[in-house]
PDB file of N, CA and C in Angstrom:
ATOM      1  N   MET A   1       0.848  -1.170   0.000  1.00  0.00           N
ATOM      2  CA  MET A   1       0.000   0.000   0.000  1.00  0.00           C
ATOM      3  C   MET A   1       0.896   1.236   0.000  1.00  0.00           C
ATOM      4  N   GLU A   2       0.553   2.203  -0.848  1.00  0.00           N
ATOM      5  CA  GLU A   2       1.317   3.446  -0.911  1.00  0.00           C
ATOM      6  C   GLU A   2       0.483   4.589  -0.345  1.00  0.00           C
ATOM      7  N   PHE A   3       1.142   5.450   0.399  1.00  0.00           N
ATOM      8  CA  PHE A   3       0.532   6.640   0.971  1.00  0.00           C
ATOM      9  C   PHE A   3       1.329   7.837   0.471  1.00  0.00           C
ATOM     10  N   VAL A   4       0.725   8.646  -0.384  1.00  0.00           N
ATOM     11  CA  VAL A   4       1.385   9.831  -0.936  1.00  0.00           C
ATOM     12  C   VAL A   4       1.073  10.998  -0.002  1.00  0.00           C
ATOM     13  N   LEU A   5       2.041  11.335   0.804  1.00  0.00           N
ATOM     14  CA  LEU A   5       1.846  12.314   1.868  1.00  0.00           C
ATOM     15  C   LEU A   5       1.344  13.659   1.349  1.00  0.00           C
ATOM     16  N   ALA A   6       1.948  14.191   0.293  1.00  0.00           N
ATOM     17  CA  ALA A   6       1.576  15.514  -0.216  1.00  0.00           C
ATOM     18  C   ALA A   6       0.155  15.543  -0.767  1.00  0.00           C
ATOM     19  N   ARG A   7      -0.312  14.439  -1.292  1.00  0.00           N
ATOM     20  CA  ARG A   7      -1.654  14.395  -1.871  1.00  0.00           C
ATOM     21  C   ARG A   7      -2.719  13.996  -0.837  1.00  0.00           C
ATOM     22  N   GLU A   8      -2.384  13.061   0.057  1.00  0.00           N
ATOM     23  CA  GLU A   8      -3.384  12.510   0.962  1.00  0.00           C
ATOM     24  C   GLU A   8      -3.353  13.123   2.368  1.00  0.00           C
ATOM     25  N   PHE A   9      -2.358  13.946   2.647  1.00  0.00           N
ATOM     26  CA  PHE A   9      -2.276  14.589   3.963  1.00  0.00           C
ATOM     27  C   PHE A   9      -2.036  16.089   3.782  1.00  0.00           C
ATOM     28  N   THR A  10      -0.843  16.488   3.411  1.00  0.00           N
ATOM     29  CA  THR A  10      -0.542  17.894   3.153  1.00  0.00           C
ATOM     30  C   THR A  10       0.815  18.026   2.478  1.00  0.00           C
ATOM     31  N   LYS A  11       0.991  19.100   1.719  1.00  0.00           N
ATOM     32  CA  LYS A  11       2.305  19.443   1.163  1.00  0.00           C
ATOM     33  C   LYS A  11       3.136  20.205   2.187  1.00  0.00           C
ATOM     34  N   TYR A  12       2.466  20.730   3.211  1.00  0.00           N
ATOM     35  CA  TYR A  12       3.098  21.619   4.184  1.00  0.00           C
ATOM     36  C   TYR A  12       2.981  21.056   5.602  1.00  0.00           C
ATOM     37  N   PRO A  13       3.842  20.115   5.973  1.00  0.00           N
ATOM     38  CA  PRO A  13       3.786  19.544   7.320  1.00  0.00           C
ATOM     39  C   PRO A  13       3.942  20.627   8.387  1.00  0.00           C
ATOM     40  N   GLY A  14       3.244  20.425   9.493  1.00  0.00           N
ATOM     41  CA  GLY A  14       3.240  21.413  10.566  1.00  0.00           C
ATOM     42  C   GLY A  14       4.158  21.061  11.719  1.00  0.00           C
ATOM     43  N   GLY A  15       3.666  21.287  12.921  1.00  0.00           N
ATOM     44  CA  GLY A  15       4.461  21.078  14.120  1.00  0.00           C
ATOM     45  C   GLY A  15       4.365  19.665  14.660  1.00  0.00           C
ATOM     46  N   ARG A  16       4.844  19.491  15.866  1.00  0.00           N
ATOM     47  CA  ARG A  16       4.903  18.183  16.513  1.00  0.00           C
ATOM     48  C   ARG A  16       3.516  17.668  16.906  1.00  0.00           C
ATOM     49  N   LEU A  17       2.760  18.465  17.635  1.00  0.00           N
ATOM     50  CA  LEU A  17       1.508  18.016  18.238  1.00  0.00           C
ATOM     51  C   LEU A  17       0.296  18.722  17.630  1.00  0.00           C
ATOM     52  N   ARG A  18      -0.872  18.115  17.795  1.00  0.00           N
ATOM     53  CA  ARG A  18      -2.116  18.742  17.326  1.00  0.00           C
ATOM     54  C   ARG A  18      -2.284  20.140  17.925  1.00  0.00           C
ATOM     55  N   ALA A  19      -1.864  20.297  19.167  1.00  0.00           N
ATOM     56  CA  ALA A  19      -1.972  21.592  19.839  1.00  0.00           C
ATOM     57  C   ALA A  19      -1.153  22.677  19.149  1.00  0.00           C
ATOM     58  N   HIS A  20      -0.213  22.277  18.300  1.00  0.00           N
ATOM     59  CA  HIS A  20       0.643  23.230  17.585  1.00  0.00           C
ATOM     60  C   HIS A  20       0.047  23.668  16.261  1.00  0.00           C
ATOM     61  N   GLY A  21      -1.121  23.133  15.893  1.00  0.00           N
ATOM     62  CA  GLY A  21      -1.772  23.559  14.655  1.00  0.00           C
ATOM     63  C   GLY A  21      -2.075  22.398  13.731  1.00  0.00           C
ATOM     64  N   ASP A  22      -2.553  22.750  12.548  1.00  0.00           N
ATOM     65  CA  ASP A  22      -2.943  21.756  11.550  1.00  0.00           C
ATOM     66  C   ASP A  22      -1.749  20.983  11.010  1.00  0.00           C
ATOM     67  N   HIS A  23      -2.035  19.777  10.557  1.00  0.00           N
ATOM     68  CA  HIS A  23      -1.071  18.916   9.860  1.00  0.00           C
ATOM     69  C   HIS A  23       0.147  18.588  10.713  1.00  0.00           C
ATOM     70  N   SER A  24      -0.104  18.245  11.954  1.00  0.00           N
ATOM     71  CA  SER A  24       0.980  17.934  12.889  1.00  0.00           C
ATOM     72  C   SER A  24       1.486  16.504  12.693  1.00  0.00           C
ATOM     73  N   GLY A  25       2.653  16.238  13.242  1.00  0.00           N
ATOM     74  CA  GLY A  25       3.201  14.891  13.239  1.00  0.00           C
ATOM     75  C   GLY A  25       2.312  13.923  13.998  1.00  0.00           C
ATOM     76  N   GLU A  26       1.736  14.383  15.093  1.00  0.00           N
ATOM     77  CA  GLU A  26       0.815  13.555  15.870  1.00  0.00           C
ATOM     78  C   GLU A  26      -0.406  13.171  15.030  1.00  0.00           C
ATOM     79  N   GLU A  27      -0.956  14.139  14.302  1.00  0.00           N
ATOM     80  CA  GLU A  27      -2.116  13.872  13.442  1.00  0.00           C
ATOM     81  C   GLU A  27      -1.774  12.855  12.354  1.00  0.00           C
ATOM     82  N   LEU A  28      -0.614  13.027  11.716  1.00  0.00           N
ATOM     83  CA  LEU A  28      -0.202  12.074  10.679  1.00  0.00           C
ATOM     84  C   LEU A  28      -0.103  10.669  11.252  1.00  0.00           C
ATOM     85  N   ARG A  29       0.569  10.532  12.391  1.00  0.00           N
ATOM     86  CA  ARG A  29       0.757   9.217  12.997  1.00  0.00           C
ATOM     87  C   ARG A  29      -0.563   8.568  13.391  1.00  0.00           C
ATOM     88  N   GLU A  30      -1.377   9.284  14.151  1.00  0.00           N
ATOM     89  CA  GLU A  30      -2.595   8.710  14.716  1.00  0.00           C
ATOM     90  C   GLU A  30      -3.709   8.512  13.692  1.00  0.00           C
ATOM     91  N   ASP A  31      -3.884   9.476  12.791  1.00  0.00           N
ATOM     92  CA  ASP A  31      -5.030   9.442  11.870  1.00  0.00           C
ATOM     93  C   ASP A  31      -4.725   8.807  10.518  1.00  0.00           C
ATOM     94  N   HIS A  32      -3.445   8.662  10.190  1.00  0.00           N
ATOM     95  CA  HIS A  32      -3.099   8.160   8.855  1.00  0.00           C
ATOM     96  C   HIS A  32      -2.155   6.960   8.875  1.00  0.00           C
ATOM     97  N   LEU A  33      -1.021   7.087   9.551  1.00  0.00           N
ATOM     98  CA  LEU A  33      -0.037   6.003   9.499  1.00  0.00           C
ATOM     99  C   LEU A  33      -0.508   4.742  10.226  1.00  0.00           C
ATOM    100  N   ILE A  34      -0.986   4.886  11.444  1.00  0.00           N
ATOM    101  CA  ILE A  34      -1.409   3.704  12.205  1.00  0.00           C
ATOM    102  C   ILE A  34      -2.562   2.974  11.509  1.00  0.00           C
ATOM    103  N   PRO A  35      -3.620   3.679  11.071  1.00  0.00           N
ATOM    104  CA  PRO A  35      -4.693   2.955  10.369  1.00  0.00           C
ATOM    105  C   PRO A  35      -4.226   2.297   9.069  1.00  0.00           C
ATOM    106  N   ARG A  36      -3.363   2.960   8.318  1.00  0.00           N
ATOM    107  CA  ARG A  36      -2.889   2.384   7.062  1.00  0.00           C
ATOM    108  C   ARG A  36      -2.005   1.163   7.315  1.00  0.00           C
ATOM    109  N   LEU A  37      -1.162   1.239   8.329  1.00  0.00           N
ATOM    110  CA  LEU A  37      -0.347   0.070   8.669  1.00  0.00           C
ATOM    111  C   LEU A  37      -1.219  -1.103   9.096  1.00  0.00           C
ATOM    112  N   ALA A  38      -2.285  -0.823   9.809  1.00  0.00           N
ATOM    113  CA  ALA A  38      -3.193  -1.890  10.240  1.00  0.00           C
ATOM    114  C   ALA A  38      -3.869  -2.545   9.040  1.00  0.00           C
ATOM    115  N   ALA A  39      -4.139  -1.767   8.000  1.00  0.00           N
ATOM    116  CA  ALA A  39      -4.835  -2.285   6.811  1.00  0.00           C
ATOM    117  C   ALA A  39      -3.888  -2.883   5.777  1.00  0.00           C
ATOM    118  N   ALA A  40      -2.615  -2.529   5.848  1.00  0.00           N
ATOM    119  CA  ALA A  40      -1.643  -2.953   4.834  1.00  0.00           C
ATOM    120  C   ALA A  40      -1.129  -4.361   5.133  1.00  0.00           C
ATOM    121  N   LYS A  41      -1.419  -5.277   4.250  1.00  0.00           N
ATOM    122  CA  LYS A  41      -0.962  -6.658   4.439  1.00  0.00           C
ATOM    123  C   LYS A  41       0.524  -6.802   4.149  1.00  0.00           C
ATOM    124  N   ASP A  42       1.012  -6.080   3.163  1.00  0.00           N
ATOM    125  CA  ASP A  42       2.408  -6.206   2.745  1.00  0.00           C
ATOM    126  C   ASP A  42       3.253  -5.005   3.134  1.00  0.00           C
ATOM    127  N   GLY A  43       2.820  -4.226   4.098  1.00  0.00           N
ATOM    128  CA  GLY A  43       3.573  -3.066   4.525  1.00  0.00           C
ATOM    129  C   GLY A  43       3.089  -1.795   3.862  1.00  0.00           C
ATOM    130  N   LEU A  44       3.704  -0.701   4.236  1.00  0.00           N
ATOM    131  CA  LEU A  44       3.303   0.621   3.785  1.00  0.00           C
ATOM    132  C   LEU A  44       4.500   1.342   3.195  1.00  0.00           C
ATOM    133  N   VAL A  45       4.302   1.935   2.018  1.00  0.00           N
ATOM    134  CA  VAL A  45       5.302   2.802   1.396  1.00  0.00           C
ATOM    135  C   VAL A  45       4.809   4.233   1.554  1.00  0.00           C
ATOM    136  N   VAL A  46       5.588   5.061   2.230  1.00  0.00           N
ATOM    137  CA  VAL A  46       5.250   6.472   2.396  1.00  0.00           C
ATOM    138  C   VAL A  46       6.033   7.243   1.343  1.00  0.00           C
ATOM    139  N   ASN A  47       5.293   7.836   0.409  1.00  0.00           N
ATOM    140  CA  ASN A  47       5.882   8.603  -0.685  1.00  0.00           C
ATOM    141  C   ASN A  47       5.970  10.056  -0.243  1.00  0.00           C
ATOM    142  N   LEU A  48       7.181  10.587  -0.187  1.00  0.00           N
ATOM    143  CA  LEU A  48       7.431  11.945   0.295  1.00  0.00           C
ATOM    144  C   LEU A  48       7.531  12.958  -0.834  1.00  0.00           C
ATOM    145  N   ALA A  49       7.257  12.561  -2.056  1.00  0.00           N
ATOM    146  CA  ALA A  49       7.345  13.457  -3.214  1.00  0.00           C
ATOM    147  C   ALA A  49       6.387  14.629  -3.051  1.00  0.00           C
ATOM    148  N   GLY A  50       6.857  15.810  -3.389  1.00  0.00           N
ATOM    149  CA  GLY A  50       6.013  16.994  -3.392  1.00  0.00           C
ATOM    150  C   GLY A  50       5.914  17.736  -2.074  1.00  0.00           C
ATOM    151  N   LEU A  51       6.581  17.249  -1.034  1.00  0.00           N
ATOM    152  CA  LEU A  51       6.534  17.958   0.250  1.00  0.00           C
ATOM    153  C   LEU A  51       7.313  19.261   0.158  1.00  0.00           C
ATOM    154  N   MET A  52       6.780  20.283   0.770  1.00  0.00           N
ATOM    155  CA  MET A  52       7.443  21.580   0.813  1.00  0.00           C
ATOM    156  C   MET A  52       8.074  21.748   2.198  1.00  0.00           C
ATOM    157  N   GLY A  53       9.029  20.897   2.493  1.00  0.00           N
ATOM    158  CA  GLY A  53       9.694  20.912   3.789  1.00  0.00           C
ATOM    159  C   GLY A  53       9.291  19.716   4.631  1.00  0.00           C
ATOM    160  N   LEU A  54      10.102  19.454   5.637  1.00  0.00           N
ATOM    161  CA  LEU A  54       9.833  18.362   6.573  1.00  0.00           C
ATOM    162  C   LEU A  54      10.452  18.747   7.922  1.00  0.00           C
ATOM    163  N   PRO A  55       9.699  19.493   8.743  1.00  0.00           N
ATOM    164  CA  PRO A  55      10.248  19.968  10.012  1.00  0.00           C
ATOM    165  C   PRO A  55      10.697  18.804  10.909  1.00  0.00           C
ATOM    166  N   PRO A  56      11.843  18.941  11.549  1.00  0.00           N
ATOM    167  CA  PRO A  56      12.355  17.874  12.409  1.00  0.00           C
ATOM    168  C   PRO A  56      11.380  17.450  13.508  1.00  0.00           C
ATOM    169  N   SER A  57      10.709  18.398  14.135  1.00  0.00           N
ATOM    170  CA  SER A  57       9.786  18.030  15.211  1.00  0.00           C
ATOM    171  C   SER A  57       8.593  17.253  14.663  1.00  0.00           C
ATOM    172  N   PHE A  58       8.121  17.606  13.485  1.00  0.00           N
ATOM    173  CA  PHE A  58       7.040  16.882  12.819  1.00  0.00           C
ATOM    174  C   PHE A  58       7.467  15.435  12.549  1.00  0.00           C
ATOM    175  N   ALA A  59       8.633  15.279  11.934  1.00  0.00           N
ATOM    176  CA  ALA A  59       9.119  13.948  11.552  1.00  0.00           C
ATOM    177  C   ALA A  59       9.382  13.078  12.778  1.00  0.00           C
ATOM    178  N   GLU A  60       9.960  13.662  13.807  1.00  0.00           N
ATOM    179  CA  GLU A  60      10.252  12.887  15.013  1.00  0.00           C
ATOM    180  C   GLU A  60       8.963  12.400  15.662  1.00  0.00           C
ATOM    181  N   GLU A  61       7.960  13.270  15.730  1.00  0.00           N
ATOM    182  CA  GLU A  61       6.693  12.878  16.347  1.00  0.00           C
ATOM    183  C   GLU A  61       5.958  11.847  15.502  1.00  0.00           C
ATOM    184  N   ALA A  62       5.916  12.068  14.193  1.00  0.00           N
ATOM    185  CA  ALA A  62       5.192  11.144  13.313  1.00  0.00           C
ATOM    186  C   ALA A  62       5.879   9.791  13.236  1.00  0.00           C
ATOM    187  N   PHE A  63       7.159   9.788  12.902  1.00  0.00           N
ATOM    188  CA  PHE A  63       7.849   8.536  12.599  1.00  0.00           C
ATOM    189  C   PHE A  63       8.542   7.927  13.817  1.00  0.00           C
ATOM    190  N   GLY A  64       9.211   8.751  14.617  1.00  0.00           N
ATOM    191  CA  GLY A  64       9.771   8.249  15.866  1.00  0.00           C
ATOM    192  C   GLY A  64       8.656   7.838  16.815  1.00  0.00           C
ATOM    193  N   GLY A  65       7.595   8.638  16.848  1.00  0.00           N
ATOM    194  CA  GLY A  65       6.442   8.319  17.681  1.00  0.00           C
ATOM    195  C   GLY A  65       5.752   7.035  17.250  1.00  0.00           C
ATOM    196  N   LEU A  66       5.791   6.753  15.957  1.00  0.00           N
ATOM    197  CA  LEU A  66       5.215   5.512  15.445  1.00  0.00           C
ATOM    198  C   LEU A  66       5.934   4.301  16.038  1.00  0.00           C
ATOM    199  N   VAL A  67       7.243   4.380  16.118  1.00  0.00           N
ATOM    200  CA  VAL A  67       8.039   3.290  16.699  1.00  0.00           C
ATOM    201  C   VAL A  67       7.749   3.166  18.187  1.00  0.00           C
ATOM    202  N   ARG A  68       7.684   4.287  18.874  1.00  0.00           N
ATOM    203  CA  ARG A  68       7.387   4.242  20.314  1.00  0.00           C
ATOM    204  C   ARG A  68       5.986   3.687  20.569  1.00  0.00           C
ATOM    205  N   ARG A  69       5.066   3.967  19.694  1.00  0.00           N
ATOM    206  CA  ARG A  69       3.667   3.540  19.875  1.00  0.00           C
ATOM    207  C   ARG A  69       3.455   2.079  19.491  1.00  0.00           C
ATOM    208  N   LEU A  70       4.055   1.639  18.356  1.00  0.00           N
ATOM    209  CA  LEU A  70       3.805   0.295  17.843  1.00  0.00           C
ATOM    210  C   LEU A  70       4.945  -0.685  18.102  1.00  0.00           C
ATOM    211  N   GLY A  71       6.091  -0.170  18.501  1.00  0.00           N
ATOM    212  CA  GLY A  71       7.239  -1.029  18.763  1.00  0.00           C
ATOM    213  C   GLY A  71       8.182  -1.105  17.570  1.00  0.00           C
ATOM    214  N   PRO A  72       9.401  -1.608  17.803  1.00  0.00           N
ATOM    215  CA  PRO A  72      10.429  -1.654  16.766  1.00  0.00           C
ATOM    216  C   PRO A  72      10.076  -2.522  15.560  1.00  0.00           C
ATOM    217  N   SER A  73       9.134  -3.437  15.708  1.00  0.00           N
ATOM    218  CA  SER A  73       8.775  -4.291  14.568  1.00  0.00           C
ATOM    219  C   SER A  73       8.201  -3.485  13.407  1.00  0.00           C
ATOM    220  N   VAL A  74       7.725  -2.269  13.682  1.00  0.00           N
ATOM    221  CA  VAL A  74       7.180  -1.432  12.614  1.00  0.00           C
ATOM    222  C   VAL A  74       8.258  -1.061  11.586  1.00  0.00           C
ATOM    223  N   LEU A  75       9.520  -1.096  12.008  1.00  0.00           N
ATOM    224  CA  LEU A  75      10.619  -0.763  11.086  1.00  0.00           C
ATOM    225  C   LEU A  75      10.608  -1.656   9.844  1.00  0.00           C
ATOM    226  N   GLY A  76      10.183  -2.886   9.993  1.00  0.00           N
ATOM    227  CA  GLY A  76      10.141  -3.806   8.865  1.00  0.00           C
ATOM    228  C   GLY A  76       8.867  -3.726   8.039  1.00  0.00           C
ATOM    229  N   ARG A  77       7.935  -2.873   8.454  1.00  0.00           N
ATOM    230  CA  ARG A  77       6.638  -2.793   7.763  1.00  0.00           C
ATOM    231  C   ARG A  77       6.415  -1.481   7.045  1.00  0.00           C
ATOM    232  N   ILE A  78       7.375  -0.541   7.154  1.00  0.00           N
ATOM    233  CA  ILE A  78       7.206   0.772   6.532  1.00  0.00           C
ATOM    234  C   ILE A  78       8.479   1.143   5.791  1.00  0.00           C
ATOM    235  N   THR A  79       8.315   1.644   4.577  1.00  0.00           N
ATOM    236  CA  THR A  79       9.449   2.142   3.788  1.00  0.00           C
ATOM    237  C   THR A  79       9.092   3.525   3.258  1.00  0.00           C
ATOM    238  N   PHE A  80      10.102   4.216   2.801  1.00  0.00           N
ATOM    239  CA  PHE A  80       9.936   5.601   2.364  1.00  0.00           C
ATOM    240  C   PHE A  80      10.521   5.785   0.971  1.00  0.00           C
ATOM    241  N   TYR A  81       9.934   6.726   0.240  1.00  0.00           N
ATOM    242  CA  TYR A  81      10.375   7.056  -1.115  1.00  0.00           C
ATOM    243  C   TYR A  81      10.392   8.569  -1.224  1.00  0.00           C
ATOM    244  N   SER A  82      11.532   9.118  -1.661  1.00  0.00           N
ATOM    245  CA  SER A  82      11.672  10.564  -1.798  1.00  0.00           C
ATOM    246  C   SER A  82      12.516  10.864  -3.032  1.00  0.00           C
ATOM    247  N   PRO A  83      11.882  10.983  -4.207  1.00  0.00           N
ATOM    248  CA  PRO A  83      12.659  11.182  -5.430  1.00  0.00           C
ATOM    249  C   PRO A  83      13.399  12.518  -5.489  1.00  0.00           C
ATOM    250  N   GLU A  84      12.825  13.586  -4.921  1.00  0.00           N
ATOM    251  CA  GLU A  84      13.470  14.902  -5.005  1.00  0.00           C
ATOM    252  C   GLU A  84      14.635  15.045  -4.036  1.00  0.00           C
ATOM    253  N   ILE A  85      14.476  14.502  -2.833  1.00  0.00           N
ATOM    254  CA  ILE A  85      15.512  14.617  -1.798  1.00  0.00           C
ATOM    255  C   ILE A  85      15.687  13.246  -1.160  1.00  0.00           C
ATOM    256  N   PRO A  86      16.481  12.366  -1.787  1.00  0.00           N
ATOM    257  CA  PRO A  86      16.647  11.000  -1.281  1.00  0.00           C
ATOM    258  C   PRO A  86      17.184  10.932   0.149  1.00  0.00           C
ATOM    259  N   GLU A  87      17.918  11.961   0.572  1.00  0.00           N
ATOM    260  CA  GLU A  87      18.480  11.977   1.929  1.00  0.00           C
ATOM    261  C   GLU A  87      17.390  11.978   3.000  1.00  0.00           C
ATOM    262  N   ARG A  88      16.191  12.417   2.637  1.00  0.00           N
ATOM    263  CA  ARG A  88      15.086  12.405   3.603  1.00  0.00           C
ATOM    264  C   ARG A  88      14.811  10.982   4.099  1.00  0.00           C
ATOM    265  N   VAL A  89      14.947  10.027   3.209  1.00  0.00           N
ATOM    266  CA  VAL A  89      14.695   8.632   3.578  1.00  0.00           C
ATOM    267  C   VAL A  89      15.685   8.192   4.650  1.00  0.00           C
ATOM    268  N   ASP A  90      16.966   8.462   4.431  1.00  0.00           N
ATOM    269  CA  ASP A  90      17.995   8.091   5.416  1.00  0.00           C
ATOM    270  C   ASP A  90      17.734   8.763   6.758  1.00  0.00           C
ATOM    271  N   TRP A  91      17.356  10.029   6.713  1.00  0.00           N
ATOM    272  CA  TRP A  91      17.121  10.794   7.932  1.00  0.00           C
ATOM    273  C   TRP A  91      15.919  10.235   8.703  1.00  0.00           C
ATOM    274  N   ILE A  92      14.814   9.961   8.017  1.00  0.00           N
ATOM    275  CA  ILE A  92      13.627   9.406   8.687  1.00  0.00           C
ATOM    276  C   ILE A  92      13.940   8.030   9.263  1.00  0.00           C
ATOM    277  N   GLU A  93      14.657   7.219   8.516  1.00  0.00           N
ATOM    278  CA  GLU A  93      15.027   5.894   9.035  1.00  0.00           C
ATOM    279  C   GLU A  93      15.898   6.020  10.275  1.00  0.00           C
ATOM    280  N   LEU A  94      16.798   7.007  10.301  1.00  0.00           N
ATOM    281  CA  LEU A  94      17.624   7.247  11.485  1.00  0.00           C
ATOM    282  C   LEU A  94      16.756   7.660  12.673  1.00  0.00           C
ATOM    283  N   VAL A  95      15.801   8.551  12.445  1.00  0.00           N
ATOM    284  CA  VAL A  95      14.885   8.981  13.504  1.00  0.00           C
ATOM    285  C   VAL A  95      14.155   7.770  14.082  1.00  0.00           C
ATOM    286  N   MET A  96      13.707   6.887  13.213  1.00  0.00           N
ATOM    287  CA  MET A  96      12.971   5.704  13.674  1.00  0.00           C
ATOM    288  C   MET A  96      13.879   4.742  14.434  1.00  0.00           C
ATOM    289  N   LYS A  97      15.090   4.561  13.950  1.00  0.00           N
ATOM    290  CA  LYS A  97      16.039   3.673  14.647  1.00  0.00           C
ATOM    291  C   LYS A  97      16.419   4.243  16.004  1.00  0.00           C
ATOM    292  N   GLN A  98      16.555   5.556  16.089  1.00  0.00           N
ATOM    293  CA  GLN A  98      16.837   6.186  17.379  1.00  0.00           C
ATOM    294  C   GLN A  98      15.691   5.935  18.354  1.00  0.00           C
ATOM    295  N   ALA A  99      14.468   6.053  17.861  1.00  0.00           N
ATOM    296  CA  ALA A  99      13.297   5.814  18.714  1.00  0.00           C
ATOM    297  C   ALA A  99      13.243   4.368  19.182  1.00  0.00           C
ATOM    298  N   ALA A 100      13.766   3.469  18.360  1.00  0.00           N
ATOM    299  CA  ALA A 100      13.800   2.039  18.719  1.00  0.00           C
ATOM    300  C   ALA A 100      14.990   1.698  19.598  1.00  0.00           C
ATOM    301  N   GLY A 101      15.895   2.665  19.791  1.00  0.00           N
ATOM    302  CA  GLY A 101      17.076   2.429  20.602  1.00  0.00           C
ATOM    303  C   GLY A 101      18.202   1.758  19.852  1.00  0.00           C
ATOM    304  N   GLU A 102      18.097   1.697  18.516  1.00  0.00           N
ATOM    305  CA  GLU A 102      19.126   1.043  17.707  1.00  0.00           C
ATOM    306  C   GLU A 102      20.270   1.976  17.329  1.00  0.00           C
ATOM    307  N   GLU A 103      20.032   3.266  17.389  1.00  0.00           N
ATOM    308  CA  GLU A 103      21.055   4.268  17.065  1.00  0.00           C
ATOM    309  C   GLU A 103      21.068   5.298  18.175  1.00  0.00           C
ATOM    310  N   THR A 104      22.221   5.891  18.416  1.00  0.00           N
ATOM    311  CA  THR A 104      22.290   6.962  19.389  1.00  0.00           C
ATOM    312  C   THR A 104      22.249   8.290  18.642  1.00  0.00           C
ATOM    313  N   PRO A 105      21.653   9.302  19.270  1.00  0.00           N
ATOM    314  CA  PRO A 105      21.540  10.612  18.590  1.00  0.00           C
ATOM    315  C   PRO A 105      22.871  11.255  18.321  1.00  0.00           C
TER     316      PRO A 105
END
């Protein structure tokens, strides 16, 4: 299953928590990533194409928070695609591994 973030959520990611405004990392995790992972039999591909930025607090809450919420096994069920800025994939994977305790900050 593919989830195109810019089309199905927003091109303009916001802050860490819902209290910080629209399109927060918390909103992405709770309302989009967790339900899609539950429905995805073969895992989830998060397509980052078209994003106009990716704030660190947003990414840490959405993706690091996903690991804290669902456990480290989620690392094997989610992949990322970023054609414009491939380094985003490495960075998000690092954030997730840090949340799992596999990497130190």
